[in-house]
């Protein structure tokens, strides 16, 4: 292939020689570029690379020569950038994490409560919530919902491992991390922390907006590949629903219903304070039966012959359909009607806790592969 109209141009005309470890471009104005180097400097250009300045002398307290492990241009403000320094090659194992809001004229440390030994390798600012930060260190992943004022470990189901890169998927709201020696890990759906604001955290409870869920079409190749099969885990099969329980709230009720209100799933929430996740498998609870229908169900469970069970099942189905109810068969092991599968559509989520209610829509779509 020939590219006659595409040429390269230098953008480092007055740039001192060093190995560049990371480059970050402010997406709303690509003339603003930050570069971090292995000699401990942070260079900034505001004219697309024609001239560069070194803003590293404005960062106090960091020993000279520590590698700049990451620069992260803000998604929101052109003068804002986050930077991390990696000192483990110099026997310096402190977490060096900084932020500027004035094009590097001044910097402040946002390492706050990070423990010593957590050498900082990568920082990412969430593209939706400017106060939501993710930090990868020598021993794992940290999250901050207040712009680095306080950090918490974000390690549920994640082994102790060095996190060297972080990607926040702009469409699916997943966090993808690259580790040293433990492969690639994905945290499904961070829409809840993206919505964490002070009003939410001071509320007794909260129901977050849910991302659209997909009823994926299951395809299995079959066969056995033994230990040579290289694959990860699939995400949870269902809609991911997130609820916040405040410090004084440990119980609540979550309901999912169809537009008519006839089909409902009700679950008691008994979790620790904070964000709790429930996976809805696109099924509603069995319908409430009339007394005569309960008698038919009991007779069905006691019947010894297949012919008798078939007659009772048909009779129960006719009774339900005469009342305009859906029938999905009988689960003999559970001694109740089968749960009713949900079709694609828009459903209602209701969280009841601490004497209040929160209502949000939930969209379920079919697999796009199915026309």
Foldseek 3Di string as FASTA:
>chain_A
DDDVPDDDDDLAPPPDDFAWQEKEAQVVQRQWIWTWGQQGWIWIGNGNRNDIDTLRVQDPDDDGRFGWQYKYQANPARQKIKTWTFCVVVVAQATFIWMDRHNNNHIDGLQAPPDGRFRWRDKYADNQQRQWMWTFTQFAIWIGLGNSNDIDGPAVVNGGFGWHDWDQDPPQRKIWTQTDPPGIDIDGHPQPSSPDDVVQQPDQKDWTAWDAAEQEDDDDPDDDDPPVDDDDDDPDQATKTKMAGYQVWQWKKKKKAAPVRQFIAIDIGGDHGGIDIDGDNQWTDAGDDDPVLLVLLVVLLVDDDPVSNVVSQVVSCVVQVVVVHDADAPDSVVSGGDTHGHDFDKMKMWMGTPNDIDIYIYGYYYDPVPD
